[in-house]
Amino acid sequence: MVIDRRGKLEDEPFRYRAVKDGRVLIYFEGRLIKTLAGKPAERLLREMVDRGPAEQQLLLAKATGHFKHGNER
């Protein structure tokens, strides 16, 4: 079940890229915001398999934590 009450994930603002050394780079609106390595990166990649775009966006949002609070310019 996908939870996105405000509809912010419908535009798919998150992207990710897995690199050769096992890291996962997470981007928000084209800007790098988080790098995962080791077990968290492996776990995220495992969870992303066979998920729809909306579920993937939610997983990426959860992986980034609370990086954006609305007061940034």
C-alpha atoms as a PDB file:
ATOM      1  CA  MET A   1       0.000   0.000   0.000  1.00  0.00           C
ATOM      2  CA  VAL A   2       1.485   3.298  -1.120  1.00  0.00           C
ATOM      3  CA  ILE A   3       1.059   6.277   1.201  1.00  0.00           C
ATOM      4  CA  ASP A   4       1.548   9.706  -0.353  1.00  0.00           C
ATOM      5  CA  ARG A   5      -1.139  11.934   1.104  1.00  0.00           C
ATOM      6  CA  ARG A   6       0.059  15.161  -0.510  1.00  0.00           C
ATOM      7  CA  GLY A   7       0.733  13.645  -3.938  1.00  0.00           C
ATOM      8  CA  LYS A   8       4.349  14.828  -4.040  1.00  0.00           C
ATOM      9  CA  LEU A   9       5.666  11.520  -5.405  1.00  0.00           C
ATOM     10  CA  GLU A  10       3.370  11.448  -8.446  1.00  0.00           C
ATOM     11  CA  ASP A  11       5.880  13.532 -10.429  1.00  0.00           C
ATOM     12  CA  GLU A  12       8.601  10.978  -9.580  1.00  0.00           C
ATOM     13  CA  PRO A  13      11.112  13.457  -8.141  1.00  0.00           C
ATOM     14  CA  PHE A  14      13.515  10.729  -6.974  1.00  0.00           C
ATOM     15  CA  ARG A  15      16.004   8.865  -9.129  1.00  0.00           C
ATOM     16  CA  TYR A  16      18.722   6.435  -8.141  1.00  0.00           C
ATOM     17  CA  ARG A  17      21.844   4.981  -9.649  1.00  0.00           C
ATOM     18  CA  ALA A  18      23.717   1.893  -8.500  1.00  0.00           C
ATOM     19  CA  VAL A  19      27.460   2.169  -9.130  1.00  0.00           C
ATOM     20  CA  LYS A  20      30.018  -0.614  -9.537  1.00  0.00           C
ATOM     21  CA  ASP A  21      31.477  -0.340  -6.044  1.00  0.00           C
ATOM     22  CA  GLY A  22      28.115  -1.184  -4.464  1.00  0.00           C
ATOM     23  CA  ARG A  23      26.988   2.325  -3.564  1.00  0.00           C
ATOM     24  CA  VAL A  24      23.565   3.692  -4.431  1.00  0.00           C
ATOM     25  CA  LEU A  25      23.289   7.376  -5.296  1.00  0.00           C
ATOM     26  CA  ILE A  26      19.875   8.946  -4.671  1.00  0.00           C
ATOM     27  CA  TYR A  27      18.872  12.117  -6.489  1.00  0.00           C
ATOM     28  CA  PHE A  28      15.979  14.506  -5.848  1.00  0.00           C
ATOM     29  CA  GLU A  29      15.012  16.718  -8.759  1.00  0.00           C
ATOM     30  CA  GLY A  30      18.395  16.106 -10.374  1.00  0.00           C
ATOM     31  CA  ARG A  31      20.513  16.864  -7.289  1.00  0.00           C
ATOM     32  CA  LEU A  32      22.446  14.238  -5.331  1.00  0.00           C
ATOM     33  CA  ILE A  33      21.032  14.154  -1.817  1.00  0.00           C
ATOM     34  CA  LYS A  34      22.097  10.827  -0.334  1.00  0.00           C
ATOM     35  CA  THR A  35      24.657   8.083  -0.868  1.00  0.00           C
ATOM     36  CA  LEU A  36      24.071   4.635   0.563  1.00  0.00           C
ATOM     37  CA  ALA A  37      26.812   2.046   0.902  1.00  0.00           C
ATOM     38  CA  GLY A  38      27.142  -1.439   2.320  1.00  0.00           C
ATOM     39  CA  LYS A  39      24.141  -3.221   3.783  1.00  0.00           C
ATOM     40  CA  PRO A  40      21.690  -0.298   3.461  1.00  0.00           C
ATOM     41  CA  ALA A  41      22.490  -0.069  -0.262  1.00  0.00           C
ATOM     42  CA  GLU A  42      22.059  -3.815  -0.743  1.00  0.00           C
ATOM     43  CA  ARG A  43      18.764  -3.767   1.163  1.00  0.00           C
ATOM     44  CA  LEU A  44      17.393  -0.896  -0.919  1.00  0.00           C
ATOM     45  CA  LEU A  45      18.299  -2.578  -4.199  1.00  0.00           C
ATOM     46  CA  ARG A  46      16.663  -5.831  -3.061  1.00  0.00           C
ATOM     47  CA  GLU A  47      13.477  -3.980  -2.106  1.00  0.00           C
ATOM     48  CA  MET A  48      13.351  -2.075  -5.420  1.00  0.00           C
ATOM     49  CA  VAL A  49      13.078  -5.275  -7.487  1.00  0.00           C
ATOM     50  CA  ASP A  50       9.589  -6.005  -8.841  1.00  0.00           C
ATOM     51  CA  ARG A  51       8.074  -2.792  -7.455  1.00  0.00           C
ATOM     52  CA  GLY A  52       5.989  -0.296  -9.364  1.00  0.00           C
ATOM     53  CA  PRO A  53       7.132   3.300  -9.874  1.00  0.00           C
ATOM     54  CA  ALA A  54       4.989   4.657  -7.027  1.00  0.00           C
ATOM     55  CA  GLU A  55       6.338   2.102  -4.565  1.00  0.00           C
ATOM     56  CA  GLN A  56       9.906   2.775  -5.697  1.00  0.00           C
ATOM     57  CA  GLN A  57       9.424   6.510  -5.119  1.00  0.00           C
ATOM     58  CA  LEU A  58       8.183   5.798  -1.607  1.00  0.00           C
ATOM     59  CA  LEU A  59      11.163   3.531  -0.860  1.00  0.00           C
ATOM     60  CA  LEU A  60      13.580   6.200  -2.098  1.00  0.00           C
ATOM     61  CA  ALA A  61      11.848   8.880  -0.030  1.00  0.00           C
ATOM     62  CA  LYS A  62      12.094   6.715   3.082  1.00  0.00           C
ATOM     63  CA  ALA A  63      15.766   5.957   2.394  1.00  0.00           C
ATOM     64  CA  THR A  64      16.616   9.661   2.295  1.00  0.00           C
ATOM     65  CA  GLY A  65      15.085  10.375   5.674  1.00  0.00           C
ATOM     66  CA  HIS A  66      13.847  13.844   6.517  1.00  0.00           C
ATOM     67  CA  PHE A  67      16.080  15.895   4.257  1.00  0.00           C
ATOM     68  CA  LYS A  68      13.481  18.446   3.131  1.00  0.00           C
ATOM     69  CA  HIS A  69      11.217  20.297   5.537  1.00  0.00           C
ATOM     70  CA  GLY A  70       9.701  23.008   3.355  1.00  0.00           C
ATOM     71  CA  ASN A  71      11.764  25.954   4.570  1.00  0.00           C
ATOM     72  CA  GLU A  72      14.553  25.552   1.987  1.00  0.00           C
ATOM     73  CA  ARG A  73      14.859  27.997  -0.887  1.00  0.00           C
END
